[in-house]
Protein backbone atom coordinates (compact mmCIF):
# COMPACT_ATOMS: atom_id res chain seq x y z
CA MET A 1 11.11 -45.21 -1.90
CA LYS A 2 13.31 -42.14 -2.48
CA THR A 3 12.17 -42.02 -6.10
CA THR A 4 8.51 -42.14 -5.03
CA ILE A 5 8.99 -39.32 -2.50
CA SER A 6 10.87 -37.19 -5.00
CA LEU A 7 8.13 -37.71 -7.59
CA PHE A 8 5.45 -36.81 -5.05
CA LEU A 9 7.25 -33.60 -4.07
CA ALA A 10 7.77 -32.68 -7.71
CA LEU A 11 4.06 -33.16 -8.40
CA MET A 12 3.17 -31.02 -5.36
CA VAL A 13 5.42 -28.19 -6.54
CA TYR A 14 4.09 -28.45 -10.10
CA SER A 15 0.50 -28.39 -8.83
CA HIS A 16 1.19 -25.31 -6.67
CA LEU A 17 2.88 -23.44 -9.53
CA THR A 18 0.12 -24.38 -11.97
CA CYS A 19 -2.57 -23.17 -9.56
CA ALA A 20 -0.71 -19.89 -8.94
CA GLN A 21 -0.29 -19.34 -12.69
CA GLU A 22 -4.00 -19.96 -13.29
CA LEU A 23 -4.94 -17.46 -10.57
CA LYS A 24 -2.56 -14.90 -12.03
CA GLU A 25 -3.91 -15.37 -15.53
CA ASN A 26 -7.54 -15.03 -14.48
CA GLY A 27 -6.80 -11.92 -12.44
CA LYS A 28 -7.52 -13.36 -9.00
CA LEU A 29 -4.01 -12.67 -7.71
CA ILE A 30 -3.33 -9.01 -6.90
CA ARG A 31 0.09 -7.62 -6.01
CA ILE A 32 -0.13 -4.64 -3.66
CA LEU A 33 2.76 -2.32 -2.84
CA THR A 34 2.71 0.39 -0.19
CA PHE A 35 5.62 2.82 -0.22
CA ASN A 36 6.37 6.02 1.66
CA ILE A 37 8.53 7.83 -0.92
CA LEU A 38 9.96 10.64 1.27
CA HIS A 39 8.59 13.34 -1.07
CA GLY A 40 10.86 12.16 -3.87
CA ALA A 41 14.09 12.56 -1.94
CA THR A 42 16.44 9.65 -1.34
CA THR A 43 18.36 8.93 1.83
CA LYS A 44 21.42 10.34 0.04
CA GLY A 45 19.73 13.73 0.18
CA ASP A 46 19.26 14.06 -3.56
CA PHE A 47 16.09 14.03 -5.68
CA ASN A 48 15.89 10.93 -7.84
CA LEU A 49 12.52 9.69 -9.06
CA ASP A 50 14.16 7.01 -11.20
CA THR A 51 15.40 5.26 -8.05
CA ILE A 52 11.83 5.11 -6.74
CA ALA A 53 10.41 4.12 -10.12
CA ASP A 54 12.96 1.34 -10.56
CA LEU A 55 11.99 -0.20 -7.21
CA ILE A 56 8.32 -0.15 -8.24
CA ILE A 57 9.07 -1.66 -11.65
CA GLN A 58 11.17 -4.43 -10.13
CA THR A 59 8.44 -5.46 -7.68
CA ASP A 60 5.82 -5.47 -10.48
CA PRO A 61 2.74 -4.51 -8.42
CA ASP A 62 -0.79 -4.18 -9.74
CA LEU A 63 -1.66 -1.38 -7.31
CA VAL A 64 0.60 0.99 -5.40
CA ALA A 65 -0.24 3.23 -2.44
CA LEU A 66 2.25 6.11 -2.18
CA GLN A 67 2.72 8.30 0.90
CA GLU A 68 4.57 11.58 1.42
CA VAL A 69 3.77 12.62 -2.12
CA ASP A 70 4.43 16.17 -3.32
CA TYR A 71 2.53 18.00 -6.03
CA LYS A 72 4.53 20.85 -7.55
CA THR A 73 6.24 21.87 -4.31
CA ASN A 74 9.48 23.81 -4.33
CA ARG A 75 11.38 21.00 -2.63
CA ALA A 76 10.20 18.56 -5.34
CA LEU A 77 11.41 20.96 -8.06
CA LYS A 78 7.79 21.67 -9.04
CA TYR A 79 7.24 18.09 -10.21
CA ASP A 80 3.87 16.35 -9.93
CA LEU A 81 5.39 13.22 -8.37
CA THR A 82 2.45 10.87 -8.90
CA THR A 83 2.18 11.72 -12.59
CA GLU A 84 5.94 11.46 -13.04
CA LEU A 85 6.07 8.03 -11.37
CA GLY A 86 3.07 6.89 -13.38
CA TYR A 87 4.88 7.88 -16.57
CA ARG A 88 8.07 6.09 -15.55
CA THR A 89 6.29 2.89 -14.44
CA LYS A 90 3.65 2.95 -17.22
CA MET A 91 0.83 2.90 -14.67
CA ALA A 92 -2.32 4.99 -14.25
CA SER A 93 -1.89 7.60 -11.55
CA ILE A 94 -3.85 9.88 -9.26
CA PHE A 95 -2.92 12.32 -6.48
CA ALA A 96 -5.01 13.31 -3.44
CA ARG A 97 -4.25 16.53 -1.58
CA ALA A 98 -4.02 16.46 2.20
CA MET A 99 -2.76 20.04 2.56
CA ALA A 100 -1.10 22.98 0.86
CA TYR A 101 2.66 22.92 1.32
CA ASP A 102 5.82 24.68 0.11
CA GLY A 103 4.32 26.37 -2.93
CA GLY A 104 2.31 23.29 -3.92
CA GLU A 105 0.46 20.43 -2.26
CA TYR A 106 1.24 17.34 -0.19
CA GLY A 107 -0.72 14.11 0.20
CA GLU A 108 -1.26 10.60 -1.12
CA GLY A 109 -0.86 8.94 -4.51
CA ILE A 110 -2.00 5.77 -6.21
CA LEU A 111 -0.52 3.95 -9.19
CA SER A 112 -2.44 1.21 -10.94
CA LYS A 113 -2.21 -1.22 -13.84
CA TYR A 114 -5.97 -0.74 -14.15
CA THR A 115 -7.93 2.39 -14.98
CA PHE A 116 -10.19 4.10 -12.45
CA ILE A 117 -13.97 4.08 -12.74
CA LYS A 118 -14.48 6.21 -9.63
CA THR A 119 -12.24 8.08 -7.17
CA ARG A 120 -12.67 10.07 -3.99
CA ASN A 121 -10.48 11.88 -1.47
CA ILE A 122 -11.58 11.65 2.17
CA ALA A 123 -10.21 14.18 4.63
CA LEU A 124 -9.32 12.52 7.93
CA PRO A 125 -9.80 14.21 11.33
CA TYR A 126 -6.85 16.01 12.92
CA SER A 127 -6.20 18.31 15.85
CA PRO A 128 -5.66 22.06 15.34
CA GLY A 129 -2.02 22.72 14.60
CA ASN A 130 -1.31 19.15 13.42
CA GLU A 131 -0.84 18.04 9.82
CA PRO A 132 -4.02 17.31 7.85
CA ARG A 133 -4.28 13.73 6.60
CA ALA A 134 -6.26 12.08 3.82
CA ALA A 135 -7.37 8.72 2.46
CA ILE A 136 -7.66 8.29 -1.30
CA GLU A 137 -9.92 5.61 -2.76
CA VAL A 138 -10.11 4.31 -6.30
CA ILE A 139 -12.67 1.89 -7.66
CA THR A 140 -11.22 -0.29 -10.39
CA ILE A 141 -12.07 -3.40 -12.39
CA LEU A 142 -9.53 -6.21 -12.42
CA SER A 143 -8.74 -8.32 -15.47
CA SER A 144 -10.94 -11.02 -13.89
CA GLY A 145 -13.92 -8.68 -14.23
CA ASP A 146 -14.17 -8.18 -10.47
CA THR A 147 -14.64 -4.67 -9.11
CA ILE A 148 -12.64 -3.71 -6.02
CA ALA A 149 -11.89 -0.63 -3.93
CA PHE A 150 -8.28 0.34 -3.19
CA ILE A 151 -7.55 2.86 -0.45
CA GLY A 152 -4.23 4.52 0.30
CA THR A 153 -3.56 6.55 3.44
CA HIS A 154 -0.93 8.00 5.77
CA LEU A 155 -1.88 8.43 9.42
CA ASP A 156 -0.53 11.04 11.83
CA HIS A 157 3.11 10.66 12.88
CA LEU A 158 3.18 12.31 16.33
CA ARG A 159 3.90 10.41 19.53
CA ASP A 160 0.44 11.27 20.90
CA ASP A 161 -1.88 8.82 19.12
CA ARG A 162 -5.16 10.73 19.49
CA ASP A 163 -5.25 11.81 15.85
CA ARG A 164 -4.30 8.31 14.65
CA VAL A 165 -7.11 6.82 16.73
CA ASP A 166 -9.66 9.26 15.28
CA GLN A 167 -8.30 8.67 11.77
CA ALA A 168 -8.58 4.89 12.14
CA LYS A 169 -12.18 5.26 13.32
CA LYS A 170 -12.97 7.48 10.33
CA ILE A 171 -11.51 4.93 7.91
CA ASN A 172 -13.73 2.22 9.40
CA GLU A 173 -16.76 4.50 9.25
CA VAL A 174 -16.26 5.55 5.63
CA PHE A 175 -14.87 2.47 3.92
CA THR A 176 -16.27 -0.65 5.60
CA PRO A 177 -19.80 -0.06 4.20
CA ASN A 178 -18.23 -0.39 0.74
CA THR A 179 -20.14 -2.23 -1.97
CA TYR A 180 -16.96 -3.89 -3.22
CA PRO A 181 -14.17 -5.93 -1.63
CA ALA A 182 -11.58 -3.44 -0.40
CA ILE A 183 -7.84 -3.18 0.22
CA LEU A 184 -6.34 -0.59 2.57
CA ALA A 185 -2.63 0.20 2.30
CA GLY A 186 -0.30 2.78 3.73
CA ASP A 187 2.05 4.15 6.32
CA LEU A 188 -0.06 3.98 9.48
CA ASN A 189 2.64 5.25 11.86
CA ALA A 190 1.52 2.67 14.41
CA ILE A 191 2.86 -0.72 15.40
CA PRO A 192 0.95 -4.02 15.60
CA GLY A 193 -1.02 -4.19 18.84
CA SER A 194 -1.32 -0.41 19.18
CA LYS A 195 -4.73 1.19 19.64
CA PRO A 196 -5.08 2.53 16.05
CA ILE A 197 -4.18 -0.87 14.55
CA ASN A 198 -6.52 -2.70 16.91
CA ILE A 199 -9.34 -0.35 15.87
CA LEU A 200 -8.74 -1.10 12.20
CA GLU A 201 -8.38 -4.84 12.81
CA ARG A 202 -11.87 -4.99 14.30
CA PHE A 203 -12.97 -5.00 10.67
CA TRP A 204 -9.91 -5.36 8.41
CA GLY A 205 -7.80 -8.45 7.95
CA SER A 206 -4.05 -7.91 8.09
CA SER A 207 -1.37 -9.43 5.90
CA TYR A 208 1.51 -9.52 8.40
CA ASP A 209 2.63 -12.35 10.66
CA LYS A 210 1.22 -11.36 14.06
CA THR A 211 3.66 -13.60 15.92
CA ASN A 212 6.68 -12.09 14.18
CA PRO A 213 5.87 -8.86 12.30
CA ALA A 214 8.54 -8.03 9.72
CA PRO A 215 9.78 -4.46 10.36
CA THR A 216 9.53 -1.80 7.65
CA PHE A 217 11.20 1.25 9.21
CA PRO A 218 13.80 2.70 9.03
CA SER A 219 15.12 1.36 5.74
CA SER A 220 18.73 1.60 6.92
CA ASN A 221 18.05 -0.89 9.72
CA PRO A 222 14.37 -1.87 9.97
CA LYS A 223 13.22 -2.17 13.58
CA VAL A 224 9.46 -1.48 13.64
CA LYS A 225 6.50 -2.31 11.44
CA ILE A 226 4.45 0.77 10.56
CA ASP A 227 3.56 0.07 6.90
CA PHE A 228 0.52 -2.14 6.33
CA VAL A 229 -1.73 -3.81 3.76
CA MET A 230 -5.20 -4.71 5.06
CA PHE A 231 -8.34 -6.11 3.44
CA TYR A 232 -12.12 -6.19 3.90
CA PRO A 233 -14.22 -8.24 4.24
CA GLN A 234 -11.79 -10.75 5.64
CA ASN A 235 -13.54 -13.75 4.08
CA LYS A 236 -13.08 -12.35 0.55
CA TRP A 237 -9.29 -12.32 0.62
CA LYS A 238 -6.43 -14.74 1.17
CA VAL A 239 -2.83 -13.71 1.83
CA ILE A 240 -0.52 -15.56 -0.57
CA GLU A 241 2.82 -13.87 0.04
CA THR A 242 4.35 -10.88 1.85
CA LYS A 243 7.74 -9.27 1.38
CA VAL A 244 9.54 -6.28 2.86
CA ILE A 245 11.59 -4.63 0.11
CA GLU A 246 14.78 -3.45 1.79
CA ASN A 247 16.39 -0.58 -0.11
CA LYS A 248 18.47 1.83 1.93
CA VAL A 249 18.56 4.56 -0.72
CA ALA A 250 15.11 4.90 -2.31
CA SER A 251 13.42 6.09 0.91
CA ASP A 252 13.68 6.03 4.70
CA HIS A 253 10.87 3.43 4.63
CA CYS A 254 11.03 -0.06 3.18
CA ALA A 255 8.36 -0.75 0.59
CA TYR A 256 5.96 -3.54 1.60
CA LEU A 257 4.70 -5.96 -1.07
CA VAL A 258 1.71 -8.26 -0.53
CA THR A 259 0.11 -10.74 -2.91
CA LEU A 260 -3.59 -11.30 -2.21
CA GLU A 261 -6.05 -13.73 -3.76
CA LEU A 262 -9.58 -12.47 -4.32
CA LEU A 263 -11.83 -15.36 -3.36
CA ASP A 264 -15.02 -16.33 -5.12
CA ASP A 265 -18.32 -16.12 -3.27
């Protein structure tokens, strides 16, 4: 009996691994990483892009949404961070400006194993005196031949959630009419069950465990979940695996890695 059970379990594991390998080979599995990179600084107070790049390389994502990205600011030593990280990780890169800052610009970035066939930068609503925010979208074709949209964003950080609420509504308005299946990733500065997340989840599926959300911030001792990967329409995607990447040095946020399966019609 024990031999029969062991054989059955072995066959189940083999079948699961074979199926996963087939999905990976035909491009239906997509690894998404969202990472707030603290404008290139580490929690040690230095400036070390290799630390950030090494984390990205080790997680081996297909698409990366970067937040707190500097473009040729003084504090980032006049580096174009998205281009530099693209070079180090051997991925295609693009930066989207949210605002002018410190002699350069500040906003969002995307890294990708796939080239871009279309991009756009959407300015999100914000109150006078608050930081401008943006959502960057790339349209790309996977190795499977499927076309998808990938959106990276960083919502307002203030205690008052009015800007976050308006920004979540704008994201729904702009991106849910999309022609292609879409993935939304970023630092949303809101916890599960909050008003901005509930607004997004009216349309977007979420990858986290709603009964026990794994915290992503701060990286030194994660206590709250504010970094998300979402998908639309919900019936086009299946969550295969999620993982919080705990690294106390690379940033004050943990990176959040999600493997999604793009489902056939």
